Amino acid sequence: MAAISPDGSPSQTPVLSRLPRTRRTFRSQRERWLAKYARNVWISDLVVVCGAVCLAQLSRFDEIGKTPGRAWDPHLSLYYTSVSAVLAVLWLVALGLVNSRSHQVLGRGMEEYRRVVFATFLLFGATAIVAVLLGLNLFARGYLAVACPLGLVGLLATRYMWHTIDRRLRANGTLKTRVLVAGTRRSAADIAATFAGQREHGYEIVGLCTPEGPGKVDDSIEVMGRNVPVVGVDTDIVEAVKAVGADMVALSATDHLGPVETRRLVWDLESLGVEMIVTAGLFDAVDSRLTKQTLGGMAVVHVGKPQYHRANSWGKRAFDIVFSLLFLIAASPMLLAAAIAVKLSSRGPVFYLAERIGMDGKTFKMIKFRSMYDGADAKVHEMMDAKGGELLYFKVKDDPRVTPVGKWLRKFSIDEMPQFINVLKGEMSVVGPRPQVRREVEAYDDLIGTRLFVRPGVTGLWQVSGRNDLSIEDSKRLDMSYVENWSMGLDLAICLRTAQVVLTGRGAY
């Protein structure tokens, strides 16, 4: 029905124009970059897919031409060309259907790669089945056997290339995402610290909104050594976004925003081209433990139970035994050289047997190459008192008790290598929380005490995340994260990252 003007005549103005909201017609800087990223990925997907099917076609025709009685046939060439074109289109469509090029997936690493692999195997599996059913055995066995691996490797390589470029641009500040965090003062500070710690993602915390707002002029909250200003209350987020020029709002639990207010906020931010994410305050819960569903129109996230039982499985134990045996055999010349260096450099035994607390609180003797002067461990309490008496993760830079050879052994973690003997004995694992001494275990609270639910490791999550340069809180959080989120893939990733960290010697002392 047409709108009626005040004089009674039909109005030419559409009814929709009277609505308080209008559709946004511009893109924010962040949206323009994401669109460019997706376009680059689409182009590289196109090049890889077309290249893979072309190489597969050329390979098959070359084989046909060399087979007696099966010379090259122009009709067969047209047939394969048509099939290649259809396959390439279906491949690109499959990558799109699994949302492998969506903004929420691009740059997320394993999730993006998983979707690429899933789309490829789904397409080629279905194609092979259809080919067999139609009697196209030559096509199924030869053509697909070339196109599938070539294309998959190419897709994963180009995705990794774009992912690396994106991370470098974000890390060096070329691509920044200005984040405004809204929530209670404590939750806002915790969430802001998490974002600020992800430097490779390019997040910059520009302000906080809390229920009570700034309590004084220049009110701020310290986040990782930097004072972040409190710029408003949680009911004026839109105005705060405009004031600080935020690209994203991270919303946690607040006192004043219910479902209706949150929905209105989403639309208000959309009109500005600003993205909003809702954080549940769940730290270190990996995707495999999270299940999303809708309950009565409300988004619900189900958090799975901690995975420490799986960390004690027979599969992990088998991996520990095989890995340790292979390592000890391969590294035996280096271990022999280290033993000789320790013996000749200072008086005392080659090995140091340190009492440590293992799984379920059981004690064992951890084997290390001696890196300190003989009897130096008796001075540890004196040094702890001088450093403030902190019990957990006690380490000292330029420790005077360490021998010159010991410093070199510690820098490249060679002193820890005999612990693979502890792994073979079942006292330790290749990967796990580092074993600690009795005084540290006695200082555990109920949460950090969960690290005793699994075997201690030769290497662990915090060893590849900064080693001794990490704060005590970060070290505790990473240990608990490993216990809660264990997977075989995580162990393998830590092993690979350990090699890189050991070669650089970063954070070791």
Protein backbone atom coordinates (compact mmCIF):
# COMPACT_ATOMS: atom_id res chain seq x y z
CA MET A 1 0.00 0.00 0.00
CA ALA A 2 1.29 3.48 -0.91
CA ALA A 3 2.04 5.95 1.86
CA ILE A 4 -0.39 8.91 2.27
CA SER A 5 0.94 12.47 2.39
CA PRO A 6 -0.51 15.10 4.81
CA ASP A 7 -2.72 16.56 2.05
CA GLY A 8 -4.30 13.16 1.41
CA SER A 9 -2.49 12.37 -1.84
CA PRO A 10 -0.36 9.28 -2.28
CA SER A 11 3.24 9.86 -1.26
CA GLN A 12 6.07 8.90 -3.62
CA THR A 13 8.38 8.14 -0.68
CA PRO A 14 8.72 4.39 -0.01
CA VAL A 15 7.56 3.22 3.37
CA LEU A 16 10.99 1.58 4.03
CA SER A 17 12.72 4.97 3.91
CA ARG A 18 10.98 5.95 7.13
CA LEU A 19 12.68 3.18 9.11
CA PRO A 20 15.32 4.46 11.52
CA ARG A 21 17.97 2.16 10.04
CA THR A 22 19.27 2.12 6.49
CA ARG A 23 21.42 -0.40 4.73
CA ARG A 24 25.11 0.34 4.89
CA THR A 25 26.68 1.06 1.51
CA PHE A 26 30.38 1.30 2.46
CA ARG A 27 33.08 -1.09 3.60
CA SER A 28 35.36 -0.51 6.53
CA GLN A 29 39.12 -0.76 6.09
CA ARG A 30 39.10 -4.15 7.81
CA GLU A 31 36.33 -5.42 5.54
CA ARG A 32 38.19 -4.23 2.46
CA TRP A 33 41.30 -6.14 3.52
CA LEU A 34 39.32 -9.30 4.26
CA ALA A 35 37.64 -9.05 0.85
CA LYS A 36 41.05 -8.62 -0.80
CA TYR A 37 42.40 -11.59 1.16
CA ALA A 38 39.47 -13.77 0.06
CA ARG A 39 39.88 -12.62 -3.56
CA ASN A 40 43.59 -13.47 -3.54
CA VAL A 41 42.83 -16.91 -2.13
CA TRP A 42 40.13 -17.47 -4.76
CA ILE A 43 42.55 -16.56 -7.56
CA SER A 44 45.25 -18.85 -6.20
CA ASP A 45 42.69 -21.66 -5.81
CA LEU A 46 41.68 -21.15 -9.43
CA VAL A 47 45.28 -21.26 -10.67
CA VAL A 48 46.13 -24.37 -8.63
CA VAL A 49 42.98 -26.29 -9.58
CA CYS A 50 43.31 -25.50 -13.29
CA GLY A 51 47.00 -26.36 -13.19
CA ALA A 52 46.36 -29.69 -11.47
CA VAL A 53 43.68 -30.87 -13.90
CA CYS A 54 45.75 -29.70 -16.90
CA LEU A 55 48.82 -31.60 -15.72
CA ALA A 56 46.67 -34.65 -15.04
CA GLN A 57 45.21 -34.47 -18.53
CA LEU A 58 48.62 -34.05 -20.19
CA SER A 59 50.00 -36.92 -18.13
CA ARG A 60 47.20 -39.27 -19.16
CA PHE A 61 47.38 -38.34 -22.84
CA ASP A 62 51.11 -38.86 -22.82
CA GLU A 63 50.56 -42.35 -21.40
CA ILE A 64 47.80 -43.11 -23.93
CA GLY A 65 49.95 -42.04 -26.85
CA LYS A 66 52.73 -44.40 -25.77
CA THR A 67 50.41 -47.39 -25.27
CA PRO A 68 50.29 -49.73 -28.32
CA GLY A 69 46.93 -49.65 -30.04
CA ARG A 70 45.81 -46.55 -28.13
CA ALA A 71 47.10 -43.58 -30.11
CA TRP A 72 46.12 -40.02 -29.36
CA ASP A 73 42.52 -39.36 -30.40
CA PRO A 74 41.14 -35.79 -30.91
CA HIS A 75 37.71 -36.94 -29.77
CA LEU A 76 39.24 -38.35 -26.58
CA SER A 77 41.11 -35.05 -26.16
CA LEU A 78 37.87 -33.09 -26.33
CA TYR A 79 36.25 -35.49 -23.89
CA TYR A 80 39.05 -35.13 -21.33
CA THR A 81 39.15 -31.38 -21.77
CA SER A 82 35.44 -31.20 -21.02
CA VAL A 83 35.84 -33.46 -18.02
CA SER A 84 38.77 -31.35 -16.76
CA ALA A 85 36.74 -28.16 -17.04
CA VAL A 86 33.79 -29.68 -15.18
CA LEU A 87 36.07 -31.13 -12.50
CA ALA A 88 37.81 -27.78 -11.99
CA VAL A 89 34.47 -26.00 -11.58
CA LEU A 90 33.20 -28.63 -9.15
CA TRP A 91 36.44 -28.43 -7.17
CA LEU A 92 36.14 -24.67 -6.76
CA VAL A 93 32.45 -25.04 -5.87
CA ALA A 94 33.28 -27.69 -3.23
CA LEU A 95 35.86 -25.38 -1.65
CA GLY A 96 33.19 -22.70 -1.50
CA LEU A 97 30.49 -24.98 -0.10
CA VAL A 98 32.64 -25.89 2.91
CA ASN A 99 33.27 -22.16 3.48
CA SER A 100 37.02 -22.54 3.13
CA ARG A 101 37.19 -18.95 1.85
CA SER A 102 34.92 -17.34 4.44
CA HIS A 103 36.27 -14.50 6.55
CA GLN A 104 35.79 -16.56 9.72
CA VAL A 105 38.03 -19.35 8.40
CA LEU A 106 40.74 -17.64 6.36
CA GLY A 107 43.95 -17.37 8.34
CA ARG A 108 42.81 -19.76 11.09
CA GLY A 109 45.44 -22.36 10.21
CA MET A 110 44.39 -25.96 10.84
CA GLU A 111 40.66 -25.30 10.47
CA GLU A 112 41.20 -23.77 7.04
CA TYR A 113 43.47 -26.63 5.94
CA ARG A 114 41.01 -29.20 7.28
CA ARG A 115 38.22 -27.77 5.16
CA VAL A 116 40.41 -27.76 2.05
CA VAL A 117 41.31 -31.43 2.61
CA PHE A 118 37.69 -32.36 3.33
CA ALA A 119 36.37 -30.65 0.17
CA THR A 120 39.05 -32.26 -2.01
CA PHE A 121 38.59 -35.80 -0.70
CA LEU A 122 34.82 -35.48 -0.84
CA LEU A 123 34.91 -34.37 -4.48
CA PHE A 124 37.43 -36.95 -5.67
CA GLY A 125 35.85 -39.74 -3.67
CA ALA A 126 32.47 -39.05 -5.22
CA THR A 127 34.04 -38.66 -8.69
CA ALA A 128 35.90 -41.96 -8.40
CA ILE A 129 32.74 -43.77 -7.36
CA VAL A 130 30.77 -42.32 -10.28
CA ALA A 131 33.61 -43.14 -12.68
CA VAL A 132 33.69 -46.77 -11.55
CA LEU A 133 29.93 -47.11 -11.78
CA LEU A 134 30.00 -45.75 -15.34
CA GLY A 135 32.91 -47.98 -16.34
CA LEU A 136 35.44 -45.15 -16.74
CA ASN A 137 38.22 -47.07 -15.03
CA LEU A 138 40.99 -45.39 -17.01
CA PHE A 139 39.71 -42.00 -15.88
CA ALA A 140 39.34 -43.06 -12.24
CA ARG A 141 42.71 -44.73 -11.77
CA GLY A 142 45.01 -42.52 -13.77
CA TYR A 143 43.58 -39.07 -14.15
CA LEU A 144 42.38 -38.68 -10.57
CA ALA A 145 45.57 -40.19 -9.16
CA VAL A 146 47.52 -37.29 -10.68
CA ALA A 147 45.06 -34.41 -10.21
CA CYS A 148 44.13 -35.05 -6.56
CA PRO A 149 47.57 -35.02 -4.85
CA LEU A 150 48.94 -32.25 -7.07
CA GLY A 151 45.94 -30.02 -6.46
CA LEU A 152 45.74 -30.73 -2.74
CA VAL A 153 49.41 -29.96 -2.12
CA GLY A 154 49.13 -26.81 -4.23
CA LEU A 155 46.02 -25.61 -2.41
CA LEU A 156 47.54 -26.17 1.02
CA ALA A 157 50.81 -24.50 -0.02
CA THR A 158 49.12 -21.38 -1.39
CA ARG A 159 46.80 -21.13 1.62
CA TYR A 160 49.87 -21.32 3.87
CA MET A 161 51.56 -18.64 1.76
CA TRP A 162 48.65 -16.19 2.12
CA HIS A 163 48.35 -17.05 5.81
CA THR A 164 52.03 -16.24 6.34
CA ILE A 165 51.76 -12.94 4.46
CA ASP A 166 48.71 -11.95 6.50
CA ARG A 167 50.40 -12.75 9.81
CA ARG A 168 53.51 -10.78 8.88
CA LEU A 169 51.48 -7.73 7.89
CA ARG A 170 49.59 -7.91 11.16
CA ALA A 171 52.69 -8.51 13.27
CA ASN A 172 54.59 -5.53 11.84
CA GLY A 173 51.62 -3.20 12.33
CA THR A 174 50.69 -2.76 8.66
CA LEU A 175 47.32 -4.38 9.32
CA LYS A 176 45.97 -3.47 12.73
CA THR A 177 42.63 -4.29 14.26
CA ARG A 178 41.70 -1.68 16.85
CA VAL A 179 39.76 -3.47 19.59
CA LEU A 180 37.41 -1.99 22.19
CA VAL A 181 36.72 -4.40 25.07
CA ALA A 182 33.45 -4.16 27.03
CA GLY A 183 32.77 -5.97 30.30
CA THR A 184 33.39 -5.81 34.03
CA ARG A 185 36.75 -4.36 34.97
CA ARG A 186 38.23 -7.77 35.74
CA SER A 187 36.89 -9.61 32.71
CA ALA A 188 37.71 -6.67 30.41
CA ALA A 189 41.29 -6.61 31.69
CA ASP A 190 41.71 -10.38 31.24
CA ILE A 191 40.25 -10.35 27.73
CA ALA A 192 42.29 -7.30 26.76
CA ALA A 193 45.46 -9.08 27.94
CA THR A 194 44.59 -12.09 25.80
CA PHE A 195 44.12 -9.96 22.69
CA ALA A 196 47.24 -7.92 23.39
CA GLY A 197 49.27 -11.12 23.74
CA GLN A 198 48.34 -12.25 20.21
CA ARG A 199 50.72 -9.88 18.44
CA GLU A 200 50.73 -11.94 15.25
CA HIS A 201 47.00 -11.20 14.82
CA GLY A 202 47.58 -7.46 14.85
CA TYR A 203 45.19 -6.62 17.69
CA GLU A 204 45.57 -3.22 19.35
CA ILE A 205 43.50 -2.53 22.47
CA VAL A 206 42.32 1.08 22.22
CA GLY A 207 39.88 1.29 25.12
CA LEU A 208 37.65 -0.39 27.69
CA CYS A 209 33.98 0.04 28.54
CA THR A 210 32.89 -1.07 32.01
CA PRO A 211 29.53 -1.01 33.86
CA GLU A 212 30.62 1.87 36.06
CA GLY A 213 32.63 3.71 33.38
CA PRO A 214 35.67 5.83 34.17
CA GLY A 215 35.78 6.53 37.87
CA LYS A 216 38.03 9.54 37.45
CA VAL A 217 39.72 11.62 34.82
CA ASP A 218 42.23 9.58 32.82
CA ASP A 219 40.98 6.35 34.40
CA SER A 220 42.82 3.34 33.00
CA ILE A 221 43.57 -0.33 33.61
CA GLU A 222 47.03 -1.81 33.26
CA VAL A 223 47.16 -4.51 30.58
CA MET A 224 50.51 -6.26 30.03
CA GLY A 225 52.48 -3.25 31.20
CA ARG A 226 50.41 -0.70 29.27
CA ASN A 227 47.69 1.57 30.64
CA VAL A 228 44.51 1.14 28.57
CA PRO A 229 41.98 3.96 29.07
CA VAL A 230 38.45 3.33 30.32
CA VAL A 231 36.53 5.31 27.69
CA GLY A 232 32.90 4.79 28.69
CA VAL A 233 30.17 2.70 30.25
CA ASP A 234 28.83 -0.50 28.71
CA THR A 235 25.61 1.26 27.64
CA ASP A 236 27.52 3.77 25.46
CA ILE A 237 29.65 1.36 23.45
CA VAL A 238 28.70 2.91 20.11
CA GLU A 239 29.84 6.37 21.19
CA ALA A 240 33.05 4.89 22.57
CA VAL A 241 33.68 3.12 19.26
CA LYS A 242 33.35 6.43 17.42
CA ALA A 243 35.63 8.19 19.93
CA VAL A 244 38.53 5.71 19.72
CA GLY A 245 38.03 4.55 16.11
CA ALA A 246 37.66 0.87 16.95
CA ASP A 247 37.36 -1.78 14.23
CA MET A 248 36.09 -4.50 16.57
CA VAL A 249 34.22 -4.77 19.85
CA ALA A 250 34.98 -7.69 22.17
CA LEU A 251 31.97 -8.10 24.46
CA SER A 252 32.03 -10.13 27.66
CA ALA A 253 29.63 -10.38 30.60
CA THR A 254 28.26 -6.97 31.56
CA ASP A 255 25.63 -5.67 33.97
CA HIS A 256 23.48 -3.68 31.54
CA LEU A 257 23.33 -5.58 28.23
CA GLY A 258 20.64 -8.23 27.88
CA PRO A 259 19.60 -10.09 24.69
CA VAL A 260 17.60 -7.16 23.27
CA GLU A 261 20.31 -4.60 24.01
CA THR A 262 22.98 -6.88 22.56
CA ARG A 263 20.99 -7.37 19.35
CA ARG A 264 20.51 -3.63 19.02
CA LEU A 265 24.24 -3.15 19.59
CA VAL A 266 25.03 -5.59 16.78
CA TRP A 267 22.97 -3.50 14.35
CA ASP A 268 24.43 -0.23 15.62
CA LEU A 269 27.94 -1.55 15.07
CA GLU A 270 27.03 -2.98 11.67
CA SER A 271 26.00 0.47 10.51
CA LEU A 272 29.54 1.63 11.35
CA GLY A 273 31.23 -1.33 9.70
CA VAL A 274 32.48 -2.54 13.08
CA GLU A 275 32.65 -6.25 13.92
CA MET A 276 31.53 -7.64 17.27
CA ILE A 277 32.66 -10.83 18.95
CA VAL A 278 31.21 -12.23 22.16
CA THR A 279 33.68 -13.85 24.54
CA ALA A 280 32.50 -16.38 27.07
CA GLY A 281 35.62 -15.97 29.21
CA LEU A 282 36.68 -19.56 28.41
CA PHE A 283 40.45 -19.56 28.30
CA ASP A 284 42.49 -22.27 26.55
CA ALA A 285 39.52 -24.37 25.41
CA VAL A 286 40.40 -25.74 21.97
CA ASP A 287 37.89 -26.19 19.16
CA SER A 288 37.67 -29.94 19.68
CA ARG A 289 36.16 -29.35 23.15
CA LEU A 290 33.62 -26.76 21.99
CA THR A 291 30.27 -27.61 20.44
CA LYS A 292 27.98 -24.82 19.26
CA GLN A 293 24.22 -25.13 19.15
CA THR A 294 21.10 -22.98 19.31
CA LEU A 295 18.75 -23.43 22.25
CA GLY A 296 15.47 -21.55 22.04
CA GLY A 297 17.06 -18.95 19.77
CA MET A 298 20.00 -18.48 22.14
CA ALA A 299 23.55 -19.38 21.11
CA VAL A 300 24.97 -22.02 23.46
CA VAL A 301 28.54 -23.32 23.66
CA HIS A 302 29.03 -26.73 25.22
CA VAL A 303 32.49 -27.19 26.77
CA GLY A 304 33.76 -30.75 26.77
CA LYS A 305 35.47 -32.33 29.76
CA PRO A 306 39.26 -32.01 30.22
CA GLN A 307 41.17 -34.53 28.11
CA TYR A 308 43.80 -35.68 30.62
CA HIS A 309 42.60 -39.32 30.43
CA ARG A 310 43.59 -39.45 26.76
CA ALA A 311 47.06 -38.13 27.66
CA ASN A 312 47.65 -41.43 29.53
CA SER A 313 46.51 -43.67 26.69
CA TRP A 314 48.46 -46.61 25.27
CA GLY A 315 48.86 -44.75 21.97
CA LYS A 316 50.78 -41.92 23.65
CA ARG A 317 52.88 -44.46 25.59
CA ALA A 318 53.77 -46.29 22.36
CA PHE A 319 54.78 -42.99 20.78
CA ASP A 320 56.95 -42.17 23.80
CA ILE A 321 58.83 -45.48 23.59
CA VAL A 322 59.45 -45.38 19.83
CA PHE A 323 60.43 -41.69 19.81
CA SER A 324 62.81 -42.05 22.76
CA LEU A 325 64.58 -45.10 21.34
CA LEU A 326 65.09 -43.45 17.96
CA PHE A 327 66.29 -40.21 19.54
CA LEU A 328 68.78 -41.86 21.90
CA ILE A 329 70.24 -43.89 19.02
CA ALA A 330 70.49 -40.91 16.67
CA ALA A 331 71.87 -38.53 19.31
CA SER A 332 74.32 -40.98 20.92
CA PRO A 333 77.49 -39.31 19.49
CA MET A 334 76.38 -35.91 20.81
CA LEU A 335 75.45 -37.38 24.19
CA LEU A 336 78.88 -39.01 24.45
CA ALA A 337 80.60 -35.72 23.62
CA ALA A 338 78.51 -33.89 26.21
CA ALA A 339 79.37 -36.47 28.87
CA ILE A 340 83.09 -36.07 28.17
CA ALA A 341 82.81 -32.27 28.30
CA VAL A 342 81.04 -32.36 31.66
CA LYS A 343 83.59 -34.75 33.15
CA LEU A 344 86.62 -32.78 31.98
CA SER A 345 85.29 -29.28 32.76
CA SER A 346 84.62 -29.55 36.51
CA ARG A 347 84.86 -31.93 39.43
CA GLY A 348 81.84 -34.13 40.07
CA PRO A 349 79.69 -36.81 38.42
CA VAL A 350 78.60 -36.64 34.78
CA PHE A 351 74.93 -37.07 35.60
CA TYR A 352 72.82 -35.27 38.15
CA LEU A 353 69.94 -37.26 39.64
CA ALA A 354 67.28 -34.80 40.76
CA GLU A 355 64.26 -35.80 42.80
CA ARG A 356 61.10 -34.75 41.00
CA ILE A 357 57.38 -35.28 41.51
CA GLY A 358 55.68 -37.22 38.73
CA MET A 359 52.18 -38.34 37.88
CA ASP A 360 49.84 -38.73 40.85
CA GLY A 361 52.49 -37.20 43.15
CA LYS A 362 54.95 -40.10 42.89
CA THR A 363 58.63 -39.23 43.26
CA PHE A 364 61.34 -40.35 40.82
CA LYS A 365 64.95 -39.55 39.97
CA MET A 366 65.18 -37.35 36.87
CA ILE A 367 68.42 -37.83 34.92
CA LYS A 368 70.30 -34.78 33.62
CA PHE A 369 73.81 -33.94 32.55
CA ARG A 370 75.32 -32.02 35.45
CA SER A 371 75.36 -28.32 34.52
CA MET A 372 76.22 -26.86 37.94
CA TYR A 373 79.22 -27.12 40.19
CA ASP A 374 79.03 -30.13 42.45
CA GLY A 375 76.93 -29.37 45.57
CA ALA A 376 75.56 -26.09 44.19
CA ASP A 377 71.94 -27.11 44.70
CA ALA A 378 72.37 -26.60 48.45
CA LYS A 379 72.38 -22.84 47.84
CA VAL A 380 68.95 -22.72 46.22
CA HIS A 381 67.05 -21.59 49.35
CA GLU A 382 69.48 -18.74 49.89
CA MET A 383 69.01 -17.60 46.29
CA MET A 384 65.22 -17.89 46.50
CA ASP A 385 65.15 -15.67 49.58
CA ALA A 386 67.28 -13.11 47.75
CA LYS A 387 64.90 -13.16 44.78
CA GLY A 388 61.71 -12.83 46.81
CA GLY A 389 61.00 -16.41 47.79
CA GLU A 390 58.85 -17.35 44.74
CA LEU A 391 58.40 -21.12 44.82
CA LEU A 392 56.93 -21.94 41.41
CA TYR A 393 59.12 -22.14 38.27
CA PHE A 394 62.15 -20.72 40.09
CA LYS A 395 64.87 -19.76 37.59
CA VAL A 396 67.70 -17.24 37.71
CA LYS A 397 69.46 -15.61 34.79
CA ASP A 398 73.27 -15.74 34.97
CA ASP A 399 73.10 -18.28 37.79
CA PRO A 400 76.60 -18.32 39.37
CA ARG A 401 76.21 -22.01 40.20
CA VAL A 402 76.23 -22.99 36.51
CA THR A 403 79.54 -24.06 34.97
CA PRO A 404 80.76 -22.63 31.61
CA VAL A 405 80.05 -25.96 29.92
CA GLY A 406 76.72 -26.11 31.74
CA LYS A 407 75.65 -22.77 30.26
CA TRP A 408 76.26 -24.13 26.78
CA LEU A 409 74.43 -27.37 27.57
CA ARG A 410 71.46 -25.44 28.97
CA LYS A 411 71.29 -23.03 26.05
CA PHE A 412 70.58 -25.88 23.64
CA SER A 413 68.82 -28.12 26.20
CA ILE A 414 71.45 -30.84 25.84
CA ASP A 415 71.49 -31.26 29.62
CA GLU A 416 67.86 -32.47 29.43
CA MET A 417 68.43 -35.18 26.81
CA PRO A 418 69.21 -38.06 29.23
CA GLN A 419 65.60 -37.71 30.42
CA PHE A 420 64.56 -39.87 27.47
CA ILE A 421 65.81 -42.72 29.69
CA ASN A 422 63.15 -41.66 32.21
CA VAL A 423 60.64 -41.81 29.37
CA LEU A 424 61.59 -45.42 28.58
CA LYS A 425 61.21 -46.27 32.28
CA GLY A 426 57.66 -44.89 32.24
CA GLU A 427 58.40 -42.08 34.69
CA MET A 428 58.12 -39.32 32.10
CA SER A 429 56.63 -38.65 28.67
CA VAL A 430 58.17 -36.99 25.63
CA VAL A 431 55.64 -34.14 25.96
CA GLY A 432 53.97 -32.95 29.14
CA PRO A 433 54.25 -30.41 31.95
CA ARG A 434 57.81 -30.15 33.19
CA PRO A 435 58.52 -32.15 36.38
CA GLN A 436 58.87 -30.01 39.47
CA VAL A 437 60.50 -30.31 42.87
CA ARG A 438 58.66 -31.00 46.10
CA ARG A 439 58.63 -27.38 47.34
CA GLU A 440 56.90 -26.30 44.12
CA VAL A 441 54.29 -29.06 44.30
CA GLU A 442 53.54 -28.21 47.92
CA ALA A 443 52.71 -24.66 46.77
CA TYR A 444 50.12 -25.87 44.21
CA ASP A 445 46.50 -24.81 44.47
CA ASP A 446 43.65 -27.04 43.30
CA LEU A 447 43.91 -25.87 39.67
CA ILE A 448 47.66 -26.05 39.05
CA GLY A 449 47.63 -29.38 40.88
CA THR A 450 45.86 -30.91 37.84
CA ARG A 451 49.24 -30.99 36.08
CA LEU A 452 49.98 -34.10 38.19
CA PHE A 453 47.19 -35.98 36.37
CA VAL A 454 49.59 -36.73 33.49
CA ARG A 455 53.21 -37.80 33.19
CA PRO A 456 55.72 -34.93 33.22
CA GLY A 457 57.45 -34.29 29.91
CA VAL A 458 60.91 -33.74 28.50
CA THR A 459 59.36 -30.83 26.64
CA GLY A 460 56.05 -29.06 27.07
CA LEU A 461 53.75 -26.30 25.95
CA TRP A 462 55.36 -23.49 27.90
CA GLN A 463 58.83 -24.62 26.86
CA VAL A 464 57.93 -23.82 23.23
CA SER A 465 56.04 -20.64 24.13
CA GLY A 466 58.84 -18.61 25.67
CA ARG A 467 60.52 -21.00 28.14
CA ASN A 468 61.95 -19.17 31.14
CA ASP A 469 61.02 -15.74 29.73
CA LEU A 470 57.35 -16.41 30.48
CA SER A 471 55.64 -15.03 33.55
CA ILE A 472 54.64 -17.48 36.27
CA GLU A 473 50.96 -16.99 35.48
CA ASP A 474 51.49 -17.73 31.78
CA SER A 475 53.51 -20.86 32.62
CA LYS A 476 50.76 -22.13 34.94
CA ARG A 477 48.06 -21.37 32.38
CA LEU A 478 49.90 -23.22 29.60
CA ASP A 479 50.49 -26.27 31.81
CA MET A 480 46.77 -26.45 32.65
CA SER A 481 45.87 -25.88 29.01
CA TYR A 482 47.94 -28.91 28.00
CA VAL A 483 46.29 -31.15 30.58
CA GLU A 484 42.79 -29.98 29.61
CA ASN A 485 43.21 -30.01 25.82
CA TRP A 486 45.59 -32.90 25.11
CA SER A 487 45.65 -34.44 21.66
CA MET A 488 48.21 -36.42 19.67
CA GLY A 489 48.31 -33.58 17.17
CA LEU A 490 49.23 -31.17 19.96
CA ASP A 491 52.11 -33.44 21.03
CA LEU A 492 53.45 -33.62 17.48
CA ALA A 493 53.18 -29.84 17.07
CA ILE A 494 55.09 -29.30 20.34
CA CYS A 495 57.83 -31.70 19.21
CA LEU A 496 58.27 -29.75 15.96
CA ARG A 497 58.30 -26.40 17.75
CA THR A 498 60.78 -27.77 20.32
CA ALA A 499 63.35 -28.39 17.60
CA GLN A 500 63.08 -24.76 16.50
CA VAL A 501 63.28 -23.39 20.05
CA VAL A 502 66.25 -25.58 20.97
CA LEU A 503 68.23 -24.56 17.88
CA THR A 504 67.77 -20.86 18.65
CA GLY A 505 68.35 -21.22 22.40
CA ARG A 506 65.62 -18.63 23.03
CA GLY A 507 64.54 -18.24 26.68
CA ALA A 508 67.00 -20.83 28.01
CA TYR A 509 69.10 -20.22 31.13
